[in-house]
Amino acid sequence: MEEILRYFPEIDSQARSRFGRLYPLYKEWNEKINVISRKDMDNFYLHHVLHSLAIARHCPFMEGATVLDVGTGGGFPGIPLAIYYPQCRFTLIDSIGKKIRVVQEVANALSLANVTALQIRAEQLDGSFDHIVSRAVTELSGFYPWIKGKYNKSVICLKGGDTEAEVQTAAAKCKIRRELIEITDISRFFGEEYFTGKRIVEIKRNF
């Protein structure tokens, strides 16, 4: 929890309380339905919560923005972002029902009225959103066709590995202009060694 307060000291008491309650909630649910590696729970705030909040540092959302989290798993990055942005509306989707159950139970426990959790695939979802976010779902060239035409402003993905090669492949296969894709090192925002080599890939809407 101290990592969150170090980088986000401006959060109000309600957000502090919600962030503080995340660990015991996920610890309890993770013992029933494994959504986080059990050996990784000791690094819960660093590896999962702060990592998710890198999106907030990179691309602040406007009040009232709509955000779709594709392949949310246990609720990352969507749940931490929904806590940080209570005035934005989040839709968290995953094709696996037991994961969506955890998301819904956590959202209910924290009274996150700005979160909707759905068991559905992105390509089956109707409508559009201001922003689409994801964390470690699949290669960008496979991911982009799922969400093409569903975002109004940007697609923001948390990535690792050879990001430049992945972006070049996606740009060619999906016919995305390379200048619309921005790669940002998360180590620009957070100093911990864990974030070395981890990046944000943002695809901006071509107006």
N, C-alpha and C. Protein backbone atom coordinates (compact mmCIF):
# COMPACT_ATOMS: atom_id res chain seq x y z
N MET A 1 0.83 -1.22 0.00
CA MET A 1 0.00 0.00 0.00
C MET A 1 0.86 1.26 0.00
N GLU A 2 2.05 1.18 0.63
CA GLU A 2 2.90 2.38 0.68
C GLU A 2 3.34 2.82 -0.71
N GLU A 3 3.44 1.87 -1.67
CA GLU A 3 3.82 2.24 -3.03
C GLU A 3 2.76 3.15 -3.66
N ILE A 4 1.51 2.87 -3.36
CA ILE A 4 0.43 3.68 -3.93
C ILE A 4 0.49 5.10 -3.37
N LEU A 5 0.65 5.20 -2.07
CA LEU A 5 0.67 6.52 -1.43
C LEU A 5 1.92 7.31 -1.82
N ARG A 6 3.01 6.62 -2.09
CA ARG A 6 4.24 7.32 -2.48
C ARG A 6 4.05 8.04 -3.81
N TYR A 7 3.42 7.37 -4.75
CA TYR A 7 3.28 7.94 -6.10
C TYR A 7 1.96 8.68 -6.32
N PHE A 8 0.98 8.41 -5.46
CA PHE A 8 -0.33 9.05 -5.61
C PHE A 8 -0.78 9.63 -4.26
N PRO A 9 -0.01 10.57 -3.69
CA PRO A 9 -0.36 11.12 -2.38
C PRO A 9 -1.64 11.95 -2.40
N GLU A 10 -2.11 12.30 -3.60
CA GLU A 10 -3.28 13.18 -3.71
C GLU A 10 -4.60 12.45 -3.54
N ILE A 11 -4.60 11.12 -3.51
CA ILE A 11 -5.87 10.40 -3.45
C ILE A 11 -6.59 10.69 -2.13
N ASP A 12 -7.93 10.73 -2.20
CA ASP A 12 -8.72 11.09 -1.02
C ASP A 12 -8.90 9.89 -0.09
N SER A 13 -9.56 10.12 1.02
CA SER A 13 -9.69 9.10 2.06
C SER A 13 -10.47 7.88 1.57
N GLN A 14 -11.47 8.11 0.73
CA GLN A 14 -12.25 6.98 0.21
C GLN A 14 -11.38 6.08 -0.67
N ALA A 15 -10.59 6.68 -1.54
CA ALA A 15 -9.70 5.89 -2.39
C ALA A 15 -8.64 5.17 -1.55
N ARG A 16 -8.11 5.83 -0.54
CA ARG A 16 -7.13 5.18 0.33
C ARG A 16 -7.73 3.96 1.00
N SER A 17 -8.96 4.12 1.48
CA SER A 17 -9.64 3.00 2.13
C SER A 17 -9.85 1.85 1.14
N ARG A 18 -10.28 2.17 -0.06
CA ARG A 18 -10.53 1.13 -1.05
C ARG A 18 -9.25 0.43 -1.47
N PHE A 19 -8.21 1.19 -1.70
CA PHE A 19 -6.93 0.56 -2.04
C PHE A 19 -6.44 -0.33 -0.89
N GLY A 20 -6.62 0.13 0.34
CA GLY A 20 -6.20 -0.64 1.50
C GLY A 20 -6.96 -1.95 1.63
N ARG A 21 -8.20 -1.97 1.19
CA ARG A 21 -9.03 -3.17 1.31
C ARG A 21 -8.81 -4.16 0.16
N LEU A 22 -8.11 -3.73 -0.89
CA LEU A 22 -7.91 -4.61 -2.03
C LEU A 22 -7.16 -5.88 -1.66
N TYR A 23 -6.08 -5.74 -0.89
CA TYR A 23 -5.26 -6.93 -0.59
C TYR A 23 -6.06 -8.00 0.15
N PRO A 24 -6.70 -7.69 1.28
CA PRO A 24 -7.44 -8.76 1.96
C PRO A 24 -8.57 -9.34 1.11
N LEU A 25 -9.21 -8.51 0.29
CA LEU A 25 -10.25 -9.02 -0.60
C LEU A 25 -9.70 -10.03 -1.60
N TYR A 26 -8.61 -9.65 -2.25
CA TYR A 26 -8.03 -10.55 -3.25
C TYR A 26 -7.40 -11.78 -2.59
N LYS A 27 -6.86 -11.61 -1.41
CA LYS A 27 -6.28 -12.77 -0.71
C LYS A 27 -7.38 -13.79 -0.42
N GLU A 28 -8.53 -13.30 0.05
CA GLU A 28 -9.64 -14.18 0.35
C GLU A 28 -10.17 -14.86 -0.91
N TRP A 29 -10.40 -14.10 -1.96
CA TRP A 29 -10.96 -14.67 -3.18
C TRP A 29 -9.95 -15.55 -3.91
N ASN A 30 -8.69 -15.21 -3.82
CA ASN A 30 -7.67 -15.98 -4.51
C ASN A 30 -7.54 -17.39 -3.95
N GLU A 31 -7.93 -17.56 -2.69
CA GLU A 31 -7.90 -18.89 -2.10
C GLU A 31 -9.05 -19.75 -2.62
N LYS A 32 -10.10 -19.11 -3.15
CA LYS A 32 -11.23 -19.84 -3.71
C LYS A 32 -11.10 -20.00 -5.22
N ILE A 33 -10.73 -18.92 -5.88
CA ILE A 33 -10.60 -18.89 -7.34
C ILE A 33 -9.27 -18.23 -7.67
N ASN A 34 -8.36 -18.98 -8.23
CA ASN A 34 -7.01 -18.48 -8.46
C ASN A 34 -6.97 -17.51 -9.65
N VAL A 35 -6.87 -16.21 -9.34
CA VAL A 35 -6.77 -15.20 -10.40
C VAL A 35 -5.40 -14.50 -10.38
N ILE A 36 -4.65 -14.71 -9.30
CA ILE A 36 -3.30 -14.15 -9.16
C ILE A 36 -2.40 -15.28 -8.66
N SER A 37 -1.21 -15.39 -9.23
CA SER A 37 -0.27 -16.39 -8.74
C SER A 37 -0.10 -16.23 -7.23
N ARG A 38 -0.28 -17.33 -6.48
CA ARG A 38 -0.24 -17.22 -5.02
C ARG A 38 1.11 -16.72 -4.51
N LYS A 39 2.19 -17.08 -5.19
CA LYS A 39 3.51 -16.59 -4.78
C LYS A 39 3.67 -15.10 -5.06
N ASP A 40 2.78 -14.56 -5.91
CA ASP A 40 2.85 -13.14 -6.28
C ASP A 40 2.04 -12.26 -5.34
N MET A 41 1.25 -12.86 -4.46
CA MET A 41 0.43 -12.05 -3.56
C MET A 41 1.28 -11.17 -2.64
N ASP A 42 2.49 -11.59 -2.32
CA ASP A 42 3.37 -10.77 -1.48
C ASP A 42 3.75 -9.46 -2.17
N ASN A 43 3.66 -9.44 -3.49
CA ASN A 43 3.98 -8.24 -4.26
C ASN A 43 2.73 -7.64 -4.90
N PHE A 44 1.59 -7.87 -4.25
CA PHE A 44 0.30 -7.51 -4.83
C PHE A 44 0.23 -6.04 -5.24
N TYR A 45 0.59 -5.14 -4.36
CA TYR A 45 0.44 -3.71 -4.66
C TYR A 45 1.41 -3.24 -5.73
N LEU A 46 2.63 -3.77 -5.72
CA LEU A 46 3.62 -3.36 -6.71
C LEU A 46 3.32 -3.95 -8.08
N HIS A 47 3.13 -5.26 -8.13
CA HIS A 47 3.01 -5.96 -9.41
C HIS A 47 1.65 -5.82 -10.07
N HIS A 48 0.63 -5.55 -9.30
CA HIS A 48 -0.71 -5.54 -9.86
C HIS A 48 -1.39 -4.17 -9.76
N VAL A 49 -1.40 -3.58 -8.58
CA VAL A 49 -2.11 -2.32 -8.41
C VAL A 49 -1.32 -1.15 -9.00
N LEU A 50 -0.06 -1.00 -8.59
CA LEU A 50 0.74 0.11 -9.12
C LEU A 50 0.97 -0.04 -10.61
N HIS A 51 1.21 -1.26 -11.06
CA HIS A 51 1.37 -1.50 -12.50
C HIS A 51 0.14 -1.01 -13.26
N SER A 52 -1.05 -1.32 -12.75
CA SER A 52 -2.28 -0.86 -13.39
C SER A 52 -2.36 0.65 -13.42
N LEU A 53 -1.93 1.29 -12.34
CA LEU A 53 -2.04 2.74 -12.23
C LEU A 53 -1.02 3.49 -13.09
N ALA A 54 -0.10 2.77 -13.72
CA ALA A 54 0.79 3.42 -14.68
C ALA A 54 -0.02 4.08 -15.79
N ILE A 55 -1.17 3.49 -16.11
CA ILE A 55 -2.04 4.07 -17.14
C ILE A 55 -2.52 5.46 -16.71
N ALA A 56 -2.81 5.63 -15.42
CA ALA A 56 -3.26 6.92 -14.91
C ALA A 56 -2.16 7.97 -15.01
N ARG A 57 -0.92 7.54 -14.82
CA ARG A 57 0.20 8.47 -14.95
C ARG A 57 0.43 8.87 -16.41
N HIS A 58 0.22 7.92 -17.29
CA HIS A 58 0.50 8.17 -18.71
C HIS A 58 -0.61 8.95 -19.39
N CYS A 59 -1.84 8.59 -19.11
CA CYS A 59 -2.98 9.16 -19.84
C CYS A 59 -4.12 9.46 -18.88
N PRO A 60 -4.11 10.62 -18.23
CA PRO A 60 -5.21 10.96 -17.32
C PRO A 60 -6.55 10.97 -18.06
N PHE A 61 -7.54 10.34 -17.46
CA PHE A 61 -8.88 10.29 -18.06
C PHE A 61 -9.70 11.50 -17.63
N MET A 62 -10.47 12.01 -18.57
CA MET A 62 -11.36 13.13 -18.27
C MET A 62 -12.56 12.63 -17.46
N GLU A 63 -13.12 13.50 -16.63
CA GLU A 63 -14.31 13.14 -15.87
C GLU A 63 -15.43 12.71 -16.83
N GLY A 64 -16.07 11.60 -16.50
CA GLY A 64 -17.15 11.09 -17.33
C GLY A 64 -16.71 10.17 -18.44
N ALA A 65 -15.41 9.93 -18.57
CA ALA A 65 -14.91 9.06 -19.63
C ALA A 65 -15.41 7.62 -19.44
N THR A 66 -15.60 6.93 -20.56
CA THR A 66 -15.97 5.52 -20.53
C THR A 66 -14.75 4.70 -20.90
N VAL A 67 -14.51 3.62 -20.14
CA VAL A 67 -13.29 2.82 -20.30
C VAL A 67 -13.67 1.34 -20.35
N LEU A 68 -13.15 0.63 -21.34
CA LEU A 68 -13.34 -0.81 -21.46
C LEU A 68 -12.04 -1.52 -21.15
N ASP A 69 -12.08 -2.45 -20.19
CA ASP A 69 -10.91 -3.27 -19.84
C ASP A 69 -11.13 -4.65 -20.46
N VAL A 70 -10.33 -4.99 -21.47
CA VAL A 70 -10.50 -6.24 -22.22
C VAL A 70 -9.59 -7.32 -21.64
N GLY A 71 -10.17 -8.48 -21.34
CA GLY A 71 -9.39 -9.57 -20.74
C GLY A 71 -8.93 -9.19 -19.36
N THR A 72 -9.84 -8.69 -18.56
CA THR A 72 -9.50 -8.11 -17.25
C THR A 72 -8.94 -9.13 -16.26
N GLY A 73 -9.21 -10.42 -16.50
CA GLY A 73 -8.74 -11.42 -15.54
C GLY A 73 -9.41 -11.21 -14.20
N GLY A 74 -8.60 -10.99 -13.18
CA GLY A 74 -9.15 -10.73 -11.85
C GLY A 74 -9.53 -9.28 -11.60
N GLY A 75 -9.39 -8.43 -12.63
CA GLY A 75 -9.79 -7.04 -12.48
C GLY A 75 -8.67 -6.03 -12.67
N PHE A 76 -7.65 -6.39 -13.44
CA PHE A 76 -6.51 -5.50 -13.66
C PHE A 76 -6.32 -5.26 -15.15
N PRO A 77 -6.19 -3.99 -15.52
CA PRO A 77 -6.02 -2.79 -14.69
C PRO A 77 -7.31 -2.12 -14.24
N GLY A 78 -8.48 -2.67 -14.58
CA GLY A 78 -9.73 -1.96 -14.40
C GLY A 78 -10.10 -1.56 -12.99
N ILE A 79 -9.94 -2.48 -12.02
CA ILE A 79 -10.36 -2.16 -10.65
C ILE A 79 -9.52 -1.03 -10.04
N PRO A 80 -8.18 -1.09 -10.08
CA PRO A 80 -7.41 0.05 -9.55
C PRO A 80 -7.73 1.37 -10.25
N LEU A 81 -7.95 1.32 -11.55
CA LEU A 81 -8.28 2.56 -12.27
C LEU A 81 -9.66 3.07 -11.88
N ALA A 82 -10.59 2.17 -11.64
CA ALA A 82 -11.94 2.59 -11.22
C ALA A 82 -11.92 3.23 -9.83
N ILE A 83 -11.03 2.75 -8.96
CA ILE A 83 -10.87 3.38 -7.64
C ILE A 83 -10.29 4.78 -7.81
N TYR A 84 -9.29 4.90 -8.67
CA TYR A 84 -8.60 6.18 -8.86
C TYR A 84 -9.49 7.19 -9.58
N TYR A 85 -10.35 6.70 -10.48
CA TYR A 85 -11.23 7.58 -11.26
C TYR A 85 -12.70 7.26 -10.96
N PRO A 86 -13.21 7.67 -9.80
CA PRO A 86 -14.60 7.34 -9.45
C PRO A 86 -15.63 8.03 -10.35
N GLN A 87 -15.22 9.08 -11.07
CA GLN A 87 -16.15 9.80 -11.94
C GLN A 87 -16.13 9.28 -13.38
N CYS A 88 -15.38 8.21 -13.62
CA CYS A 88 -15.38 7.56 -14.93
C CYS A 88 -16.12 6.24 -14.85
N ARG A 89 -16.60 5.75 -15.97
CA ARG A 89 -17.37 4.51 -16.01
C ARG A 89 -16.54 3.41 -16.66
N PHE A 90 -16.44 2.29 -15.97
CA PHE A 90 -15.59 1.19 -16.41
C PHE A 90 -16.41 -0.05 -16.70
N THR A 91 -16.13 -0.68 -17.84
CA THR A 91 -16.70 -1.98 -18.18
C THR A 91 -15.56 -2.97 -18.25
N LEU A 92 -15.59 -3.98 -17.40
CA LEU A 92 -14.52 -4.98 -17.33
C LEU A 92 -15.05 -6.28 -17.92
N ILE A 93 -14.37 -6.80 -18.93
CA ILE A 93 -14.86 -8.01 -19.58
C ILE A 93 -13.80 -9.10 -19.60
N ASP A 94 -14.27 -10.33 -19.54
CA ASP A 94 -13.42 -11.50 -19.68
C ASP A 94 -14.30 -12.65 -20.13
N SER A 95 -13.73 -13.60 -20.86
CA SER A 95 -14.52 -14.73 -21.35
C SER A 95 -14.67 -15.82 -20.29
N ILE A 96 -13.92 -15.72 -19.20
CA ILE A 96 -13.95 -16.77 -18.17
C ILE A 96 -14.83 -16.31 -17.01
N GLY A 97 -15.89 -17.05 -16.78
CA GLY A 97 -16.91 -16.65 -15.81
C GLY A 97 -16.41 -16.53 -14.39
N LYS A 98 -15.54 -17.45 -13.94
CA LYS A 98 -15.09 -17.41 -12.55
C LYS A 98 -14.24 -16.17 -12.28
N LYS A 99 -13.53 -15.68 -13.29
CA LYS A 99 -12.76 -14.46 -13.11
C LYS A 99 -13.68 -13.25 -12.98
N ILE A 100 -14.71 -13.21 -13.81
CA ILE A 100 -15.67 -12.12 -13.74
C ILE A 100 -16.42 -12.15 -12.40
N ARG A 101 -16.62 -13.33 -11.86
CA ARG A 101 -17.26 -13.42 -10.53
C ARG A 101 -16.40 -12.71 -9.49
N VAL A 102 -15.10 -12.95 -9.53
CA VAL A 102 -14.20 -12.27 -8.58
C VAL A 102 -14.27 -10.77 -8.76
N VAL A 103 -14.22 -10.32 -10.01
CA VAL A 103 -14.31 -8.88 -10.29
C VAL A 103 -15.58 -8.29 -9.71
N GLN A 104 -16.70 -8.95 -9.93
CA GLN A 104 -17.98 -8.45 -9.45
C GLN A 104 -18.03 -8.42 -7.93
N GLU A 105 -17.52 -9.45 -7.29
CA GLU A 105 -17.53 -9.51 -5.83
C GLU A 105 -16.64 -8.43 -5.22
N VAL A 106 -15.48 -8.19 -5.82
CA VAL A 106 -14.59 -7.13 -5.33
C VAL A 106 -15.24 -5.76 -5.52
N ALA A 107 -15.82 -5.54 -6.70
CA ALA A 107 -16.50 -4.27 -6.96
C ALA A 107 -17.64 -4.05 -5.99
N ASN A 108 -18.41 -5.11 -5.70
CA ASN A 108 -19.51 -5.00 -4.75
C ASN A 108 -19.01 -4.68 -3.34
N ALA A 109 -17.95 -5.36 -2.93
CA ALA A 109 -17.41 -5.16 -1.58
C ALA A 109 -16.91 -3.74 -1.38
N LEU A 110 -16.40 -3.14 -2.45
CA LEU A 110 -15.85 -1.78 -2.37
C LEU A 110 -16.88 -0.71 -2.75
N SER A 111 -18.10 -1.14 -3.07
CA SER A 111 -19.17 -0.22 -3.51
C SER A 111 -18.72 0.62 -4.70
N LEU A 112 -18.11 -0.07 -5.68
CA LEU A 112 -17.67 0.61 -6.90
C LEU A 112 -18.83 0.64 -7.89
N ALA A 113 -19.66 1.66 -7.76
CA ALA A 113 -20.84 1.78 -8.61
C ALA A 113 -20.47 2.11 -10.06
N ASN A 114 -19.22 2.49 -10.30
CA ASN A 114 -18.78 2.85 -11.65
C ASN A 114 -18.20 1.67 -12.42
N VAL A 115 -18.37 0.45 -11.89
CA VAL A 115 -17.83 -0.75 -12.53
C VAL A 115 -18.96 -1.67 -12.97
N THR A 116 -18.90 -2.10 -14.23
CA THR A 116 -19.77 -3.15 -14.76
C THR A 116 -18.88 -4.30 -15.19
N ALA A 117 -19.18 -5.51 -14.74
CA ALA A 117 -18.38 -6.69 -15.08
C ALA A 117 -19.22 -7.62 -15.95
N LEU A 118 -18.67 -8.05 -17.08
CA LEU A 118 -19.42 -8.88 -18.02
C LEU A 118 -18.57 -10.06 -18.50
N GLN A 119 -19.20 -11.23 -18.57
CA GLN A 119 -18.55 -12.37 -19.18
C GLN A 119 -18.88 -12.35 -20.67
N ILE A 120 -17.95 -11.87 -21.47
CA ILE A 120 -18.18 -11.72 -22.90
C ILE A 120 -16.82 -11.52 -23.57
N ARG A 121 -16.73 -11.88 -24.82
CA ARG A 121 -15.52 -11.61 -25.60
C ARG A 121 -15.61 -10.21 -26.21
N ALA A 122 -14.48 -9.58 -26.38
CA ALA A 122 -14.47 -8.20 -26.88
C ALA A 122 -15.14 -8.09 -28.24
N GLU A 123 -14.90 -9.08 -29.11
CA GLU A 123 -15.46 -9.00 -30.45
C GLU A 123 -16.97 -9.16 -30.47
N GLN A 124 -17.55 -9.66 -29.37
CA GLN A 124 -19.00 -9.83 -29.27
C GLN A 124 -19.69 -8.62 -28.63
N LEU A 125 -18.90 -7.70 -28.10
CA LEU A 125 -19.45 -6.56 -27.36
C LEU A 125 -19.83 -5.43 -28.31
N ASP A 126 -21.03 -4.93 -28.16
CA ASP A 126 -21.48 -3.80 -28.97
C ASP A 126 -21.12 -2.48 -28.29
N GLY A 127 -21.13 -1.42 -29.08
CA GLY A 127 -20.90 -0.08 -28.52
C GLY A 127 -19.47 0.37 -28.66
N SER A 128 -19.22 1.59 -28.19
CA SER A 128 -17.87 2.16 -28.23
C SER A 128 -17.55 2.84 -26.90
N PHE A 129 -16.26 3.04 -26.67
CA PHE A 129 -15.77 3.58 -25.40
C PHE A 129 -14.71 4.64 -25.70
N ASP A 130 -14.54 5.56 -24.77
CA ASP A 130 -13.49 6.56 -24.97
C ASP A 130 -12.12 5.91 -25.00
N HIS A 131 -11.87 5.03 -24.04
CA HIS A 131 -10.57 4.37 -23.94
C HIS A 131 -10.76 2.86 -23.79
N ILE A 132 -9.86 2.10 -24.36
CA ILE A 132 -9.80 0.66 -24.14
C ILE A 132 -8.45 0.35 -23.53
N VAL A 133 -8.45 -0.42 -22.43
CA VAL A 133 -7.21 -0.75 -21.74
C VAL A 133 -7.07 -2.27 -21.65
N SER A 134 -5.83 -2.73 -21.48
CA SER A 134 -5.60 -4.16 -21.28
C SER A 134 -4.23 -4.36 -20.66
N ARG A 135 -4.06 -5.54 -20.07
CA ARG A 135 -2.77 -5.90 -19.48
C ARG A 135 -2.46 -7.35 -19.84
N ALA A 136 -1.38 -7.52 -20.61
CA ALA A 136 -0.86 -8.86 -20.91
C ALA A 136 -1.94 -9.81 -21.42
N VAL A 137 -2.71 -9.36 -22.42
CA VAL A 137 -3.78 -10.21 -22.95
C VAL A 137 -3.25 -11.08 -24.09
N THR A 138 -2.77 -10.47 -25.15
CA THR A 138 -2.23 -11.20 -26.29
C THR A 138 -1.41 -10.24 -27.14
N GLU A 139 -0.78 -10.76 -28.18
CA GLU A 139 -0.02 -9.90 -29.08
C GLU A 139 -0.94 -8.83 -29.68
N LEU A 140 -0.39 -7.65 -29.88
CA LEU A 140 -1.19 -6.51 -30.36
C LEU A 140 -1.83 -6.80 -31.72
N SER A 141 -1.15 -7.55 -32.57
CA SER A 141 -1.70 -7.84 -33.89
C SER A 141 -2.94 -8.72 -33.81
N GLY A 142 -3.04 -9.52 -32.75
CA GLY A 142 -4.24 -10.33 -32.53
C GLY A 142 -5.30 -9.59 -31.75
N PHE A 143 -4.86 -8.69 -30.89
CA PHE A 143 -5.77 -7.94 -30.02
C PHE A 143 -6.53 -6.86 -30.78
N TYR A 144 -5.83 -6.14 -31.64
CA TYR A 144 -6.43 -4.96 -32.28
C TYR A 144 -7.70 -5.27 -33.08
N PRO A 145 -7.75 -6.36 -33.84
CA PRO A 145 -8.99 -6.64 -34.58
C PRO A 145 -10.21 -6.83 -33.68
N TRP A 146 -10.01 -7.25 -32.44
CA TRP A 146 -11.14 -7.42 -31.50
C TRP A 146 -11.80 -6.08 -31.18
N ILE A 147 -10.98 -5.02 -31.12
CA ILE A 147 -11.48 -3.76 -30.59
C ILE A 147 -11.50 -2.63 -31.62
N LYS A 148 -11.12 -2.94 -32.83
CA LYS A 148 -11.13 -1.93 -33.89
C LYS A 148 -12.54 -1.36 -34.05
N GLY A 149 -12.64 -0.06 -34.06
CA GLY A 149 -13.93 0.60 -34.21
C GLY A 149 -14.71 0.76 -32.92
N LYS A 150 -14.13 0.31 -31.80
CA LYS A 150 -14.83 0.39 -30.51
C LYS A 150 -14.27 1.48 -29.60
N TYR A 151 -13.26 2.24 -30.04
CA TYR A 151 -12.68 3.28 -29.19
C TYR A 151 -12.77 4.64 -29.86
N ASN A 152 -13.01 5.65 -29.02
CA ASN A 152 -13.16 7.01 -29.52
C ASN A 152 -11.88 7.83 -29.40
N LYS A 153 -11.03 7.46 -28.43
CA LYS A 153 -9.83 8.27 -28.19
C LYS A 153 -8.55 7.44 -28.26
N SER A 154 -8.47 6.36 -27.48
CA SER A 154 -7.20 5.63 -27.45
C SER A 154 -7.36 4.20 -26.96
N VAL A 155 -6.40 3.37 -27.35
CA VAL A 155 -6.22 2.03 -26.81
C VAL A 155 -4.91 2.05 -26.03
N ILE A 156 -4.94 1.57 -24.78
CA ILE A 156 -3.75 1.65 -23.92
C ILE A 156 -3.47 0.26 -23.36
N CYS A 157 -2.32 -0.31 -23.73
CA CYS A 157 -1.97 -1.67 -23.32
C CYS A 157 -0.69 -1.67 -22.48
N LEU A 158 -0.70 -2.44 -21.40
CA LEU A 158 0.49 -2.65 -20.59
C LEU A 158 1.25 -3.84 -21.19
N LYS A 159 2.52 -3.60 -21.52
CA LYS A 159 3.29 -4.60 -22.27
C LYS A 159 4.68 -4.82 -21.68
N GLY A 160 5.26 -5.97 -22.04
CA GLY A 160 6.67 -6.25 -21.74
C GLY A 160 7.30 -6.87 -22.97
N GLY A 161 8.56 -7.26 -22.86
CA GLY A 161 9.22 -7.93 -23.99
C GLY A 161 9.63 -6.96 -25.08
N ASP A 162 9.76 -7.49 -26.30
CA ASP A 162 10.22 -6.69 -27.43
C ASP A 162 9.04 -5.90 -27.99
N THR A 163 8.75 -4.79 -27.34
CA THR A 163 7.55 -4.02 -27.67
C THR A 163 7.62 -3.41 -29.06
N GLU A 164 8.78 -2.93 -29.44
CA GLU A 164 8.91 -2.28 -30.75
C GLU A 164 8.60 -3.27 -31.87
N ALA A 165 9.12 -4.49 -31.77
CA ALA A 165 8.84 -5.50 -32.80
C ALA A 165 7.37 -5.84 -32.84
N GLU A 166 6.74 -5.94 -31.66
CA GLU A 166 5.31 -6.24 -31.59
C GLU A 166 4.50 -5.13 -32.25
N VAL A 167 4.89 -3.89 -32.00
CA VAL A 167 4.19 -2.74 -32.58
C VAL A 167 4.35 -2.71 -34.09
N GLN A 168 5.56 -2.96 -34.57
CA GLN A 168 5.80 -2.94 -36.02
C GLN A 168 4.96 -4.01 -36.72
N THR A 169 4.89 -5.19 -36.11
CA THR A 169 4.08 -6.27 -36.69
C THR A 169 2.61 -5.89 -36.73
N ALA A 170 2.11 -5.32 -35.61
CA ALA A 170 0.71 -4.93 -35.55
C ALA A 170 0.39 -3.83 -36.54
N ALA A 171 1.28 -2.86 -36.65
CA ALA A 171 1.06 -1.75 -37.58
C ALA A 171 0.93 -2.26 -39.00
N ALA A 172 1.77 -3.22 -39.37
CA ALA A 172 1.74 -3.77 -40.73
C ALA A 172 0.51 -4.65 -40.96
N LYS A 173 0.23 -5.55 -40.03
CA LYS A 173 -0.88 -6.50 -40.20
C LYS A 173 -2.25 -5.84 -40.09
N CYS A 174 -2.35 -4.88 -39.18
CA CYS A 174 -3.65 -4.26 -38.91
C CYS A 174 -3.84 -2.93 -39.60
N LYS A 175 -2.83 -2.53 -40.38
CA LYS A 175 -2.90 -1.28 -41.14
C LYS A 175 -3.14 -0.07 -40.22
N ILE A 176 -2.30 0.00 -39.16
CA ILE A 176 -2.32 1.14 -38.25
C ILE A 176 -1.13 2.03 -38.59
N ARG A 177 -1.35 3.29 -38.78
CA ARG A 177 -0.24 4.20 -39.05
C ARG A 177 0.69 4.24 -37.85
N ARG A 178 1.97 4.02 -38.09
CA ARG A 178 2.94 3.90 -37.00
C ARG A 178 3.00 5.16 -36.14
N GLU A 179 2.76 6.32 -36.73
CA GLU A 179 2.84 7.56 -35.96
C GLU A 179 1.69 7.70 -34.95
N LEU A 180 0.67 6.84 -35.08
CA LEU A 180 -0.44 6.86 -34.12
C LEU A 180 -0.15 6.00 -32.89
N ILE A 181 0.97 5.28 -32.90
CA ILE A 181 1.31 4.38 -31.80
C ILE A 181 2.48 4.95 -31.00
N GLU A 182 2.27 5.09 -29.71
CA GLU A 182 3.29 5.64 -28.81
C GLU A 182 3.72 4.58 -27.79
N ILE A 183 5.02 4.42 -27.61
CA ILE A 183 5.57 3.49 -26.62
C ILE A 183 6.23 4.29 -25.51
N THR A 184 5.85 4.02 -24.27
CA THR A 184 6.37 4.75 -23.11
C THR A 184 6.88 3.78 -22.06
N ASP A 185 8.10 4.00 -21.58
CA ASP A 185 8.65 3.18 -20.50
C ASP A 185 7.97 3.53 -19.19
N ILE A 186 7.48 2.52 -18.48
CA ILE A 186 6.83 2.76 -17.18
C ILE A 186 7.86 3.24 -16.16
N SER A 187 9.13 2.92 -16.36
CA SER A 187 10.18 3.37 -15.44
C SER A 187 10.31 4.90 -15.44
N ARG A 188 9.69 5.58 -16.39
CA ARG A 188 9.63 7.05 -16.34
C ARG A 188 8.79 7.53 -15.17
N PHE A 189 7.84 6.71 -14.75
CA PHE A 189 6.91 7.09 -13.70
C PHE A 189 7.26 6.49 -12.34
N PHE A 190 7.71 5.25 -12.35
CA PHE A 190 7.96 4.51 -11.11
C PHE A 190 9.40 3.99 -11.10
N GLY A 191 10.07 4.16 -9.93
CA GLY A 191 11.50 3.85 -9.87
C GLY A 191 11.86 2.42 -9.55
N GLU A 192 10.90 1.58 -9.16
CA GLU A 192 11.22 0.22 -8.76
C GLU A 192 11.77 -0.61 -9.94
N GLU A 193 12.72 -1.50 -9.63
CA GLU A 193 13.36 -2.32 -10.65
C GLU A 193 12.36 -3.17 -11.41
N TYR A 194 11.27 -3.54 -10.75
CA TYR A 194 10.25 -4.38 -11.38
C TYR A 194 9.75 -3.80 -12.70
N PHE A 195 9.74 -2.48 -12.82
CA PHE A 195 9.17 -1.84 -13.99
C PHE A 195 10.16 -1.67 -15.14
N THR A 196 11.42 -2.05 -14.93
CA THR A 196 12.40 -2.00 -16.01
C THR A 196 11.96 -2.95 -17.12
N GLY A 197 11.85 -2.43 -18.33
CA GLY A 197 11.44 -3.26 -19.46
C GLY A 197 9.94 -3.35 -19.65
N LYS A 198 9.17 -2.77 -18.74
CA LYS A 198 7.72 -2.76 -18.88
C LYS A 198 7.29 -1.43 -19.51
N ARG A 199 6.32 -1.52 -20.41
CA ARG A 199 5.97 -0.34 -21.20
C ARG A 199 4.47 -0.18 -21.36
N ILE A 200 4.09 1.01 -21.75
CA ILE A 200 2.72 1.31 -22.15
C ILE A 200 2.73 1.53 -23.65
N VAL A 201 1.83 0.84 -24.34
CA VAL A 201 1.64 1.09 -25.77
C VAL A 201 0.28 1.75 -25.94
N GLU A 202 0.27 2.93 -26.52
CA GLU A 202 -0.96 3.66 -26.74
C GLU A 202 -1.19 3.84 -28.24
N ILE A 203 -2.38 3.46 -28.70
CA ILE A 203 -2.80 3.68 -30.08
C ILE A 203 -3.84 4.79 -30.06
N LYS A 204 -3.54 5.88 -30.68
CA LYS A 204 -4.46 7.02 -30.69
C LYS A 204 -5.41 6.94 -31.88
N ARG A 205 -6.59 7.45 -31.68
CA ARG A 205 -7.61 7.44 -32.73
C ARG A 205 -7.17 8.38 -33.85
N ASN A 206 -7.36 7.92 -35.06
CA ASN A 206 -7.02 8.73 -36.23
C ASN A 206 -8.24 9.54 -36.64
N PHE A 207 -8.24 10.83 -36.29
CA PHE A 207 -9.39 11.70 -36.63
C PHE A 207 -9.18 12.34 -38.00
